[in-house]
Amino acid sequence: MKINIKEKKQDKWLLWTVVFLVALGLPMLLIASSPEVGYSYFLRQAAKLVPGVLILLFMSYFNYRHLQKLAWFLMGTSFLLLLYTKLGEILDGFPLDQSHFKLPILPDSQ
């Protein structure tokens, strides 16, 4: 399965920018991970890379103009989901566990 960028008139700069950022970011995350915490951040990001590449390949062959018929439905659904998360957060009825936002505190190595 070869992606023909010239024939499909895809944006080369955007594709290579994303490839560059991923190729630069994953090793930086691996280097920044410490053995005490483990490599969980790196492994989670690497695991998300696989579906991301599959979606990229699928969308490179998908004619997105077919989604124009669903534009209002998709926009309305996105807006309602955003409103649901914000209202739930404001009213404190949304069970948002914020423990994944906190970085673990490492003991001093002295």
N, C-alpha and C. Protein backbone atom coordinates (compact mmCIF):
# COMPACT_ATOMS: atom_id res chain seq x y z
N MET A 1 0.84 -1.16 0.00
CA MET A 1 0.00 0.00 0.00
C MET A 1 0.90 1.23 0.00
N LYS A 2 0.99 1.87 -1.13
CA LYS A 2 1.86 3.04 -1.28
C LYS A 2 1.01 4.29 -1.39
N ILE A 3 1.36 5.30 -0.62
CA ILE A 3 0.64 6.56 -0.66
C ILE A 3 1.29 7.43 -1.73
N ASN A 4 0.53 7.75 -2.75
CA ASN A 4 1.04 8.58 -3.84
C ASN A 4 0.64 10.03 -3.56
N ILE A 5 1.57 10.77 -2.98
CA ILE A 5 1.27 12.14 -2.56
C ILE A 5 1.09 13.06 -3.77
N LYS A 6 1.86 12.87 -4.82
CA LYS A 6 1.75 13.75 -5.98
C LYS A 6 0.41 13.58 -6.68
N GLU A 7 -0.04 12.35 -6.80
CA GLU A 7 -1.29 12.10 -7.50
C GLU A 7 -2.49 12.58 -6.70
N LYS A 8 -2.46 12.38 -5.41
CA LYS A 8 -3.60 12.74 -4.57
C LYS A 8 -3.54 14.19 -4.10
N LYS A 9 -2.49 14.90 -4.44
CA LYS A 9 -2.31 16.30 -4.06
C LYS A 9 -2.43 16.51 -2.56
N GLN A 10 -1.78 15.66 -1.80
CA GLN A 10 -1.78 15.80 -0.35
C GLN A 10 -0.71 16.79 0.07
N ASP A 11 -0.85 17.28 1.26
CA ASP A 11 0.06 18.29 1.77
C ASP A 11 1.33 17.63 2.29
N LYS A 12 2.42 17.76 1.54
CA LYS A 12 3.69 17.13 1.91
C LYS A 12 4.26 17.74 3.20
N TRP A 13 4.15 19.06 3.31
CA TRP A 13 4.73 19.72 4.46
C TRP A 13 4.05 19.28 5.75
N LEU A 14 2.75 19.14 5.71
CA LEU A 14 2.03 18.71 6.90
C LEU A 14 2.39 17.27 7.26
N LEU A 15 2.45 16.39 6.27
CA LEU A 15 2.80 15.00 6.52
C LEU A 15 4.19 14.88 7.13
N TRP A 16 5.17 15.55 6.56
CA TRP A 16 6.54 15.43 7.05
C TRP A 16 6.72 16.15 8.39
N THR A 17 5.94 17.18 8.65
CA THR A 17 6.00 17.83 9.96
C THR A 17 5.50 16.89 11.04
N VAL A 18 4.41 16.19 10.77
CA VAL A 18 3.88 15.23 11.75
C VAL A 18 4.85 14.09 11.96
N VAL A 19 5.43 13.57 10.88
CA VAL A 19 6.41 12.48 11.00
C VAL A 19 7.61 12.94 11.81
N PHE A 20 8.08 14.15 11.56
CA PHE A 20 9.22 14.69 12.29
C PHE A 20 8.91 14.85 13.77
N LEU A 21 7.73 15.40 14.09
CA LEU A 21 7.38 15.61 15.49
C LEU A 21 7.21 14.30 16.25
N VAL A 22 6.65 13.30 15.60
CA VAL A 22 6.50 11.99 16.25
C VAL A 22 7.87 11.35 16.43
N ALA A 23 8.71 11.43 15.40
CA ALA A 23 10.04 10.83 15.48
C ALA A 23 10.91 11.55 16.52
N LEU A 24 10.65 12.80 16.77
CA LEU A 24 11.40 13.55 17.77
C LEU A 24 10.78 13.38 19.16
N GLY A 25 9.46 13.34 19.24
CA GLY A 25 8.78 13.33 20.52
C GLY A 25 8.84 12.01 21.26
N LEU A 26 8.69 10.90 20.57
CA LEU A 26 8.71 9.60 21.26
C LEU A 26 10.07 9.31 21.91
N PRO A 27 11.19 9.50 21.23
CA PRO A 27 12.46 9.30 21.93
C PRO A 27 12.67 10.27 23.09
N MET A 28 12.18 11.50 22.96
CA MET A 28 12.31 12.45 24.07
C MET A 28 11.50 11.99 25.28
N LEU A 29 10.34 11.43 25.03
CA LEU A 29 9.52 10.91 26.12
C LEU A 29 10.18 9.70 26.76
N LEU A 30 10.84 8.89 25.96
CA LEU A 30 11.55 7.73 26.49
C LEU A 30 12.73 8.16 27.35
N ILE A 31 13.46 9.17 26.90
CA ILE A 31 14.60 9.66 27.66
C ILE A 31 14.14 10.34 28.95
N ALA A 32 13.02 11.04 28.90
CA ALA A 32 12.52 11.75 30.08
C ALA A 32 11.91 10.81 31.11
N SER A 33 11.52 9.62 30.71
CA SER A 33 10.95 8.66 31.65
C SER A 33 12.05 8.12 32.55
N SER A 34 11.70 7.95 33.80
CA SER A 34 12.69 7.43 34.73
C SER A 34 12.35 5.99 35.09
N PRO A 35 13.35 5.20 35.43
CA PRO A 35 13.08 3.80 35.78
C PRO A 35 12.22 3.65 37.03
N GLU A 36 12.25 4.64 37.95
CA GLU A 36 11.44 4.54 39.15
C GLU A 36 9.95 4.59 38.82
N VAL A 37 9.60 5.49 37.93
CA VAL A 37 8.20 5.63 37.53
C VAL A 37 7.83 4.55 36.53
N GLY A 38 8.79 4.14 35.74
CA GLY A 38 8.53 3.17 34.69
C GLY A 38 8.34 3.89 33.37
N TYR A 39 8.16 3.13 32.36
CA TYR A 39 8.03 3.70 31.02
C TYR A 39 6.57 3.75 30.60
N SER A 40 5.68 3.99 31.55
CA SER A 40 4.25 3.95 31.24
C SER A 40 3.84 5.08 30.30
N TYR A 41 4.40 6.27 30.47
CA TYR A 41 4.05 7.38 29.58
C TYR A 41 4.49 7.07 28.15
N PHE A 42 5.70 6.56 28.01
CA PHE A 42 6.20 6.22 26.69
C PHE A 42 5.37 5.11 26.07
N LEU A 43 5.06 4.08 26.84
CA LEU A 43 4.30 2.94 26.30
C LEU A 43 2.88 3.36 25.91
N ARG A 44 2.27 4.26 26.69
CA ARG A 44 0.94 4.73 26.33
C ARG A 44 0.96 5.52 25.03
N GLN A 45 1.98 6.38 24.88
CA GLN A 45 2.06 7.16 23.65
C GLN A 45 2.41 6.28 22.45
N ALA A 46 3.28 5.31 22.66
CA ALA A 46 3.63 4.40 21.56
C ALA A 46 2.43 3.55 21.16
N ALA A 47 1.61 3.17 22.13
CA ALA A 47 0.40 2.39 21.82
C ALA A 47 -0.62 3.24 21.06
N LYS A 48 -0.65 4.54 21.33
CA LYS A 48 -1.57 5.42 20.61
C LYS A 48 -1.05 5.76 19.21
N LEU A 49 0.22 5.51 18.99
CA LEU A 49 0.79 5.77 17.67
C LEU A 49 0.25 4.79 16.63
N VAL A 50 0.03 3.54 17.02
CA VAL A 50 -0.43 2.52 16.07
C VAL A 50 -1.81 2.86 15.51
N PRO A 51 -2.83 3.12 16.34
CA PRO A 51 -4.12 3.50 15.74
C PRO A 51 -4.04 4.83 15.00
N GLY A 52 -3.17 5.73 15.46
CA GLY A 52 -3.02 7.00 14.77
C GLY A 52 -2.50 6.83 13.36
N VAL A 53 -1.54 5.95 13.18
CA VAL A 53 -1.01 5.69 11.84
C VAL A 53 -2.06 5.01 10.98
N LEU A 54 -2.82 4.09 11.57
CA LEU A 54 -3.88 3.42 10.80
C LEU A 54 -4.95 4.41 10.36
N ILE A 55 -5.32 5.33 11.25
CA ILE A 55 -6.30 6.36 10.88
C ILE A 55 -5.72 7.27 9.80
N LEU A 56 -4.44 7.60 9.91
CA LEU A 56 -3.79 8.43 8.90
C LEU A 56 -3.84 7.76 7.54
N LEU A 57 -3.53 6.46 7.49
CA LEU A 57 -3.57 5.75 6.21
C LEU A 57 -4.99 5.66 5.66
N PHE A 58 -5.95 5.39 6.53
CA PHE A 58 -7.34 5.32 6.08
C PHE A 58 -7.81 6.66 5.54
N MET A 59 -7.52 7.72 6.28
CA MET A 59 -7.99 9.05 5.87
C MET A 59 -7.26 9.57 4.63
N SER A 60 -6.06 9.04 4.35
CA SER A 60 -5.37 9.48 3.15
C SER A 60 -6.05 8.94 1.89
N TYR A 61 -6.80 7.85 2.03
CA TYR A 61 -7.53 7.30 0.89
C TYR A 61 -9.01 7.65 0.92
N PHE A 62 -9.48 8.22 2.01
CA PHE A 62 -10.89 8.53 2.17
C PHE A 62 -11.18 9.90 1.59
N ASN A 63 -12.23 10.00 0.81
CA ASN A 63 -12.62 11.29 0.25
C ASN A 63 -13.49 12.00 1.29
N TYR A 64 -12.91 12.96 1.98
CA TYR A 64 -13.60 13.62 3.08
C TYR A 64 -14.76 14.48 2.61
N ARG A 65 -14.88 14.71 1.32
CA ARG A 65 -16.00 15.52 0.82
C ARG A 65 -17.34 14.81 1.01
N HIS A 66 -17.28 13.49 1.22
CA HIS A 66 -18.51 12.74 1.50
C HIS A 66 -19.09 13.12 2.86
N LEU A 67 -18.26 13.64 3.74
CA LEU A 67 -18.73 14.04 5.07
C LEU A 67 -19.50 15.35 5.05
N GLN A 68 -19.50 16.03 3.91
CA GLN A 68 -20.18 17.32 3.81
C GLN A 68 -21.68 17.17 4.07
N LYS A 69 -22.23 16.04 3.70
CA LYS A 69 -23.66 15.79 3.93
C LYS A 69 -23.97 15.67 5.42
N LEU A 70 -22.99 15.23 6.20
CA LEU A 70 -23.17 15.04 7.64
C LEU A 70 -22.61 16.19 8.47
N ALA A 71 -22.24 17.28 7.83
CA ALA A 71 -21.52 18.36 8.53
C ALA A 71 -22.32 18.92 9.69
N TRP A 72 -23.59 19.25 9.49
CA TRP A 72 -24.39 19.84 10.56
C TRP A 72 -24.61 18.86 11.70
N PHE A 73 -24.82 17.59 11.37
CA PHE A 73 -25.01 16.58 12.40
C PHE A 73 -23.73 16.41 13.23
N LEU A 74 -22.58 16.32 12.57
CA LEU A 74 -21.31 16.15 13.28
C LEU A 74 -20.97 17.37 14.11
N MET A 75 -21.23 18.55 13.59
CA MET A 75 -20.96 19.78 14.33
C MET A 75 -21.87 19.89 15.55
N GLY A 76 -23.15 19.58 15.38
CA GLY A 76 -24.09 19.62 16.50
C GLY A 76 -23.74 18.61 17.57
N THR A 77 -23.37 17.40 17.16
CA THR A 77 -22.98 16.36 18.11
C THR A 77 -21.73 16.78 18.88
N SER A 78 -20.76 17.33 18.19
CA SER A 78 -19.54 17.79 18.85
C SER A 78 -19.84 18.90 19.86
N PHE A 79 -20.70 19.81 19.48
CA PHE A 79 -21.07 20.90 20.38
C PHE A 79 -21.79 20.38 21.61
N LEU A 80 -22.72 19.45 21.42
CA LEU A 80 -23.45 18.89 22.56
C LEU A 80 -22.53 18.12 23.51
N LEU A 81 -21.59 17.37 22.96
CA LEU A 81 -20.64 16.64 23.81
C LEU A 81 -19.74 17.61 24.58
N LEU A 82 -19.32 18.67 23.94
CA LEU A 82 -18.51 19.69 24.63
C LEU A 82 -19.33 20.36 25.73
N LEU A 83 -20.57 20.68 25.42
CA LEU A 83 -21.45 21.29 26.41
C LEU A 83 -21.70 20.35 27.57
N TYR A 84 -21.87 19.08 27.29
CA TYR A 84 -22.09 18.08 28.34
C TYR A 84 -20.91 18.02 29.30
N THR A 85 -19.70 18.00 28.77
CA THR A 85 -18.53 17.92 29.65
C THR A 85 -18.37 19.19 30.48
N LYS A 86 -18.59 20.34 29.88
CA LYS A 86 -18.43 21.59 30.61
C LYS A 86 -19.52 21.79 31.65
N LEU A 87 -20.77 21.52 31.30
CA LEU A 87 -21.85 21.68 32.27
C LEU A 87 -21.72 20.67 33.40
N GLY A 88 -21.34 19.46 33.07
CA GLY A 88 -21.17 18.46 34.11
C GLY A 88 -20.04 18.82 35.05
N GLU A 89 -19.01 19.41 34.52
CA GLU A 89 -17.88 19.84 35.35
C GLU A 89 -18.29 21.01 36.25
N ILE A 90 -19.07 21.93 35.72
CA ILE A 90 -19.51 23.09 36.49
C ILE A 90 -20.48 22.67 37.59
N LEU A 91 -21.40 21.81 37.26
CA LEU A 91 -22.41 21.38 38.23
C LEU A 91 -21.89 20.29 39.16
N ASP A 92 -20.67 19.84 38.94
CA ASP A 92 -20.02 18.83 39.75
C ASP A 92 -20.76 17.48 39.72
N GLY A 93 -21.49 17.27 38.66
CA GLY A 93 -22.18 16.00 38.51
C GLY A 93 -21.45 15.06 37.57
N PHE A 94 -20.38 15.53 37.01
CA PHE A 94 -19.62 14.73 36.05
C PHE A 94 -18.47 14.07 36.78
N PRO A 95 -18.41 12.75 36.78
CA PRO A 95 -17.34 12.06 37.53
C PRO A 95 -16.00 12.15 36.80
N LEU A 96 -15.34 13.27 36.92
CA LEU A 96 -14.06 13.47 36.27
C LEU A 96 -12.95 13.20 37.28
N ASP A 97 -12.28 12.10 37.11
CA ASP A 97 -11.16 11.75 37.99
C ASP A 97 -9.93 12.48 37.51
N GLN A 98 -9.41 13.38 38.32
CA GLN A 98 -8.27 14.18 37.90
C GLN A 98 -6.95 13.61 38.38
N SER A 99 -6.94 12.37 38.82
CA SER A 99 -5.69 11.79 39.30
C SER A 99 -4.69 11.58 38.17
N HIS A 100 -5.18 11.45 36.93
CA HIS A 100 -4.25 11.25 35.82
C HIS A 100 -3.61 12.56 35.36
N PHE A 101 -4.07 13.70 35.91
CA PHE A 101 -3.45 14.97 35.58
C PHE A 101 -2.25 15.27 36.47
N LYS A 102 -2.12 14.56 37.58
CA LYS A 102 -1.06 14.84 38.53
C LYS A 102 0.15 13.96 38.23
N LEU A 103 1.31 14.55 38.26
CA LEU A 103 2.53 13.79 38.07
C LEU A 103 2.96 13.14 39.38
N PRO A 104 3.46 11.94 39.32
CA PRO A 104 3.89 11.30 40.56
C PRO A 104 5.10 12.02 41.15
N ILE A 105 5.14 12.11 42.45
CA ILE A 105 6.25 12.77 43.14
C ILE A 105 7.28 11.70 43.48
N LEU A 106 8.47 11.93 42.99
CA LEU A 106 9.55 10.96 43.21
C LEU A 106 10.30 11.30 44.49
N PRO A 107 10.72 10.30 45.24
CA PRO A 107 11.52 10.59 46.43
C PRO A 107 12.91 11.10 46.03
N ASP A 108 13.47 11.93 46.88
CA ASP A 108 14.82 12.44 46.60
C ASP A 108 15.82 11.30 46.65
N SER A 109 16.67 11.25 45.65
CA SER A 109 17.71 10.20 45.63
C SER A 109 18.99 10.77 46.20
N GLN A 110 19.16 10.63 47.52
CA GLN A 110 20.37 11.15 48.16
C GLN A 110 21.16 10.02 48.76
